[in-house]
Amino acid sequence: MGLIRTILALVILVILLHMGLVYAGVEPGTNGLTEVVYSLGALLIAPAQALLNALPLTEEQRNVADPNNFYAVAITAVAGYFVLYLLLGVGRR
C-alpha cells in the first residue's frame, strides 16, 4: 500500500511541475527533462479532462470547470489523485 501511495505522490508532483512549467512559459522542447514532464503530465491529466467532458454541467459551471482550460483540468487531476492518496491511507493504523 505504501508503494502505491508513493507513486500517487510522485504523480501529483509531476502534474504540479507540469503546471509550473506551463505557467513559467517554458517550451516543451527546451531539453529532455521538459519533454518528459510535458508528455507525462499530458498523460496524467487526460482522465480528468475526460471526466470534465462527461459531467453534465450548466453554462455557469462550465465557466468555472472548462474542460478546455489547462489549469482547471490540471487542478482537477491533482485533486482526484489526492483523494485516491487519502483513500488508500484510511485503513492504516
N, C-alpha and C. Protein backbone atom coordinates (compact mmCIF):
# COMPACT_ATOMS: atom_id res chain seq x y z
N MET A 1 0.83 -1.18 0.00
CA MET A 1 0.00 0.00 0.00
C MET A 1 0.88 1.26 0.00
N GLY A 2 1.99 1.15 0.70
CA GLY A 2 2.89 2.30 0.76
C GLY A 2 3.49 2.65 -0.59
N LEU A 3 3.76 1.63 -1.41
CA LEU A 3 4.32 1.88 -2.73
C LEU A 3 3.32 2.61 -3.62
N ILE A 4 2.06 2.20 -3.55
CA ILE A 4 1.03 2.86 -4.37
C ILE A 4 0.85 4.31 -3.94
N ARG A 5 0.87 4.55 -2.64
CA ARG A 5 0.76 5.93 -2.15
C ARG A 5 1.96 6.77 -2.59
N THR A 6 3.14 6.18 -2.60
CA THR A 6 4.33 6.89 -3.05
C THR A 6 4.22 7.23 -4.54
N ILE A 7 3.73 6.29 -5.32
CA ILE A 7 3.56 6.55 -6.75
C ILE A 7 2.54 7.66 -6.97
N LEU A 8 1.44 7.65 -6.21
CA LEU A 8 0.45 8.72 -6.33
C LEU A 8 1.03 10.07 -5.94
N ALA A 9 1.87 10.10 -4.91
CA ALA A 9 2.52 11.35 -4.53
C ALA A 9 3.43 11.86 -5.64
N LEU A 10 4.15 10.96 -6.30
CA LEU A 10 5.00 11.37 -7.41
C LEU A 10 4.18 11.84 -8.60
N VAL A 11 3.03 11.21 -8.84
CA VAL A 11 2.14 11.64 -9.91
C VAL A 11 1.67 13.07 -9.65
N ILE A 12 1.28 13.34 -8.42
CA ILE A 12 0.84 14.69 -8.05
C ILE A 12 1.97 15.70 -8.27
N LEU A 13 3.18 15.33 -7.88
CA LEU A 13 4.32 16.24 -8.07
C LEU A 13 4.62 16.49 -9.55
N VAL A 14 4.49 15.47 -10.39
CA VAL A 14 4.73 15.65 -11.83
C VAL A 14 3.70 16.61 -12.42
N ILE A 15 2.44 16.45 -12.01
CA ILE A 15 1.39 17.34 -12.53
C ILE A 15 1.64 18.77 -12.07
N LEU A 16 2.02 18.94 -10.81
CA LEU A 16 2.32 20.29 -10.31
C LEU A 16 3.53 20.90 -11.01
N LEU A 17 4.53 20.07 -11.30
CA LEU A 17 5.70 20.55 -12.05
C LEU A 17 5.31 20.94 -13.47
N HIS A 18 4.43 20.16 -14.08
CA HIS A 18 3.93 20.48 -15.42
C HIS A 18 3.19 21.82 -15.40
N MET A 19 2.36 22.03 -14.39
CA MET A 19 1.64 23.30 -14.26
C MET A 19 2.62 24.45 -14.10
N GLY A 20 3.66 24.25 -13.31
CA GLY A 20 4.65 25.30 -13.10
C GLY A 20 5.41 25.64 -14.37
N LEU A 21 5.75 24.63 -15.15
CA LEU A 21 6.45 24.89 -16.41
C LEU A 21 5.57 25.63 -17.40
N VAL A 22 4.29 25.26 -17.46
CA VAL A 22 3.37 25.97 -18.36
C VAL A 22 3.20 27.40 -17.90
N TYR A 23 3.07 27.61 -16.59
CA TYR A 23 2.90 28.96 -16.05
C TYR A 23 4.13 29.82 -16.33
N ALA A 24 5.31 29.21 -16.22
CA ALA A 24 6.55 29.96 -16.44
C ALA A 24 6.82 30.19 -17.93
N GLY A 25 6.09 29.51 -18.79
CA GLY A 25 6.27 29.70 -20.22
C GLY A 25 7.43 28.93 -20.81
N VAL A 26 7.84 27.86 -20.17
CA VAL A 26 8.95 27.05 -20.67
C VAL A 26 8.43 26.18 -21.81
N GLU A 27 9.11 26.19 -22.91
CA GLU A 27 8.71 25.40 -24.08
C GLU A 27 8.98 23.91 -23.85
N PRO A 28 8.15 23.03 -24.40
CA PRO A 28 8.36 21.59 -24.20
C PRO A 28 9.68 21.08 -24.76
N GLY A 29 10.20 21.67 -25.81
CA GLY A 29 11.43 21.18 -26.44
C GLY A 29 12.69 21.80 -25.88
N THR A 30 12.64 22.41 -24.72
CA THR A 30 13.83 23.06 -24.16
C THR A 30 14.95 22.05 -23.91
N ASN A 31 14.64 20.95 -23.27
CA ASN A 31 15.60 19.87 -23.05
C ASN A 31 14.85 18.57 -22.82
N GLY A 32 15.55 17.52 -22.54
CA GLY A 32 14.92 16.22 -22.37
C GLY A 32 13.99 16.15 -21.17
N LEU A 33 14.36 16.82 -20.10
CA LEU A 33 13.54 16.79 -18.89
C LEU A 33 12.20 17.46 -19.12
N THR A 34 12.20 18.60 -19.80
CA THR A 34 10.93 19.27 -20.05
C THR A 34 10.06 18.47 -21.00
N GLU A 35 10.67 17.78 -21.97
CA GLU A 35 9.89 16.92 -22.86
C GLU A 35 9.21 15.80 -22.08
N VAL A 36 9.93 15.22 -21.15
CA VAL A 36 9.37 14.14 -20.33
C VAL A 36 8.26 14.66 -19.44
N VAL A 37 8.46 15.79 -18.79
CA VAL A 37 7.45 16.34 -17.89
C VAL A 37 6.20 16.73 -18.67
N TYR A 38 6.35 17.34 -19.82
CA TYR A 38 5.19 17.73 -20.62
C TYR A 38 4.41 16.52 -21.11
N SER A 39 5.11 15.50 -21.61
CA SER A 39 4.41 14.34 -22.15
C SER A 39 3.78 13.51 -21.03
N LEU A 40 4.49 13.32 -19.94
CA LEU A 40 3.93 12.56 -18.81
C LEU A 40 2.79 13.33 -18.15
N GLY A 41 2.94 14.64 -18.05
CA GLY A 41 1.87 15.45 -17.48
C GLY A 41 0.61 15.40 -18.32
N ALA A 42 0.76 15.42 -19.64
CA ALA A 42 -0.41 15.33 -20.52
C ALA A 42 -1.11 13.98 -20.37
N LEU A 43 -0.34 12.91 -20.20
CA LEU A 43 -0.95 11.60 -19.99
C LEU A 43 -1.68 11.51 -18.66
N LEU A 44 -1.12 12.13 -17.63
CA LEU A 44 -1.71 12.02 -16.30
C LEU A 44 -2.95 12.87 -16.11
N ILE A 45 -3.09 13.95 -16.87
CA ILE A 45 -4.29 14.78 -16.72
C ILE A 45 -5.40 14.40 -17.69
N ALA A 46 -5.12 13.45 -18.59
CA ALA A 46 -6.14 13.03 -19.56
C ALA A 46 -7.40 12.46 -18.91
N PRO A 47 -7.31 11.65 -17.84
CA PRO A 47 -8.56 11.17 -17.22
C PRO A 47 -9.41 12.30 -16.63
N ALA A 48 -8.77 13.32 -16.11
CA ALA A 48 -9.53 14.45 -15.55
C ALA A 48 -10.23 15.23 -16.66
N GLN A 49 -9.59 15.36 -17.80
CA GLN A 49 -10.22 16.05 -18.93
C GLN A 49 -11.42 15.26 -19.44
N ALA A 50 -11.29 13.92 -19.49
CA ALA A 50 -12.41 13.09 -19.91
C ALA A 50 -13.56 13.18 -18.91
N LEU A 51 -13.22 13.26 -17.63
CA LEU A 51 -14.25 13.40 -16.59
C LEU A 51 -14.98 14.73 -16.72
N LEU A 52 -14.25 15.80 -16.94
CA LEU A 52 -14.89 17.11 -17.09
C LEU A 52 -15.76 17.17 -18.35
N ASN A 53 -15.36 16.47 -19.40
CA ASN A 53 -16.17 16.44 -20.61
C ASN A 53 -17.44 15.62 -20.41
N ALA A 54 -17.39 14.62 -19.54
CA ALA A 54 -18.54 13.73 -19.34
C ALA A 54 -19.56 14.28 -18.35
N LEU A 55 -19.16 15.20 -17.49
CA LEU A 55 -20.07 15.73 -16.47
C LEU A 55 -21.14 16.62 -17.10
N PRO A 56 -22.39 16.48 -16.64
CA PRO A 56 -23.45 17.36 -17.15
C PRO A 56 -23.42 18.70 -16.41
N LEU A 57 -22.67 19.64 -16.92
CA LEU A 57 -22.51 20.93 -16.26
C LEU A 57 -23.39 21.98 -16.93
N THR A 58 -23.89 22.91 -16.11
CA THR A 58 -24.64 24.03 -16.65
C THR A 58 -23.66 25.03 -17.27
N GLU A 59 -24.19 26.02 -17.95
CA GLU A 59 -23.32 27.02 -18.59
C GLU A 59 -22.50 27.78 -17.55
N GLU A 60 -23.11 28.07 -16.42
CA GLU A 60 -22.41 28.79 -15.36
C GLU A 60 -21.28 27.94 -14.77
N GLN A 61 -21.53 26.65 -14.61
CA GLN A 61 -20.50 25.75 -14.10
C GLN A 61 -19.39 25.54 -15.12
N ARG A 62 -19.72 25.55 -16.41
CA ARG A 62 -18.71 25.38 -17.46
C ARG A 62 -17.72 26.54 -17.46
N ASN A 63 -18.15 27.73 -16.99
CA ASN A 63 -17.22 28.86 -16.91
C ASN A 63 -16.13 28.59 -15.88
N VAL A 64 -16.47 27.85 -14.83
CA VAL A 64 -15.50 27.55 -13.77
C VAL A 64 -14.68 26.31 -14.13
N ALA A 65 -15.37 25.24 -14.55
CA ALA A 65 -14.71 23.97 -14.83
C ALA A 65 -14.68 23.73 -16.34
N ASP A 66 -14.04 24.59 -17.06
CA ASP A 66 -13.95 24.47 -18.51
C ASP A 66 -12.98 23.34 -18.87
N PRO A 67 -13.44 22.32 -19.59
CA PRO A 67 -12.54 21.22 -19.95
C PRO A 67 -11.45 21.62 -20.95
N ASN A 68 -11.55 22.79 -21.52
CA ASN A 68 -10.51 23.27 -22.43
C ASN A 68 -9.46 24.14 -21.73
N ASN A 69 -9.71 24.48 -20.46
CA ASN A 69 -8.77 25.28 -19.69
C ASN A 69 -7.75 24.35 -19.05
N PHE A 70 -6.48 24.54 -19.37
CA PHE A 70 -5.43 23.66 -18.87
C PHE A 70 -5.37 23.64 -17.35
N TYR A 71 -5.46 24.79 -16.72
CA TYR A 71 -5.32 24.86 -15.27
C TYR A 71 -6.49 24.22 -14.55
N ALA A 72 -7.70 24.36 -15.07
CA ALA A 72 -8.86 23.71 -14.46
C ALA A 72 -8.74 22.20 -14.54
N VAL A 73 -8.28 21.70 -15.67
CA VAL A 73 -8.11 20.26 -15.83
C VAL A 73 -6.98 19.74 -14.94
N ALA A 74 -5.88 20.47 -14.87
CA ALA A 74 -4.74 20.03 -14.06
C ALA A 74 -5.08 20.04 -12.57
N ILE A 75 -5.79 21.06 -12.12
CA ILE A 75 -6.17 21.11 -10.70
C ILE A 75 -7.17 20.00 -10.38
N THR A 76 -8.07 19.70 -11.31
CA THR A 76 -9.00 18.59 -11.13
C THR A 76 -8.24 17.27 -11.03
N ALA A 77 -7.23 17.08 -11.86
CA ALA A 77 -6.42 15.86 -11.81
C ALA A 77 -5.68 15.74 -10.48
N VAL A 78 -5.09 16.84 -10.04
CA VAL A 78 -4.37 16.82 -8.76
C VAL A 78 -5.33 16.49 -7.62
N ALA A 79 -6.51 17.09 -7.64
CA ALA A 79 -7.49 16.81 -6.58
C ALA A 79 -7.93 15.35 -6.63
N GLY A 80 -8.14 14.81 -7.80
CA GLY A 80 -8.54 13.41 -7.92
C GLY A 80 -7.47 12.45 -7.41
N TYR A 81 -6.23 12.68 -7.80
CA TYR A 81 -5.15 11.82 -7.32
C TYR A 81 -4.94 11.99 -5.82
N PHE A 82 -5.15 13.18 -5.30
CA PHE A 82 -5.00 13.40 -3.86
C PHE A 82 -6.09 12.67 -3.09
N VAL A 83 -7.31 12.66 -3.62
CA VAL A 83 -8.40 11.90 -2.97
C VAL A 83 -8.05 10.41 -2.95
N LEU A 84 -7.54 9.90 -4.07
CA LEU A 84 -7.10 8.50 -4.09
C LEU A 84 -6.00 8.25 -3.07
N TYR A 85 -5.07 9.17 -2.96
CA TYR A 85 -3.98 9.07 -1.99
C TYR A 85 -4.53 8.99 -0.57
N LEU A 86 -5.51 9.85 -0.27
CA LEU A 86 -6.10 9.84 1.07
C LEU A 86 -6.90 8.57 1.32
N LEU A 87 -7.66 8.11 0.32
CA LEU A 87 -8.45 6.90 0.49
C LEU A 87 -7.60 5.65 0.71
N LEU A 88 -6.42 5.62 0.12
CA LEU A 88 -5.53 4.46 0.33
C LEU A 88 -4.93 4.45 1.73
N GLY A 89 -4.94 5.56 2.40
CA GLY A 89 -4.39 5.62 3.75
C GLY A 89 -5.41 5.56 4.86
N VAL A 90 -6.70 5.42 4.51
CA VAL A 90 -7.76 5.45 5.51
C VAL A 90 -7.67 4.27 6.46
N GLY A 91 -7.40 3.08 5.96
CA GLY A 91 -7.41 1.89 6.79
C GLY A 91 -6.14 1.63 7.56
N ARG A 92 -5.18 2.51 7.51
CA ARG A 92 -3.90 2.29 8.20
C ARG A 92 -4.01 2.56 9.68
N ARG A 93 -3.19 1.90 10.43
CA ARG A 93 -3.15 2.13 11.87
C ARG A 93 -1.97 2.97 12.23
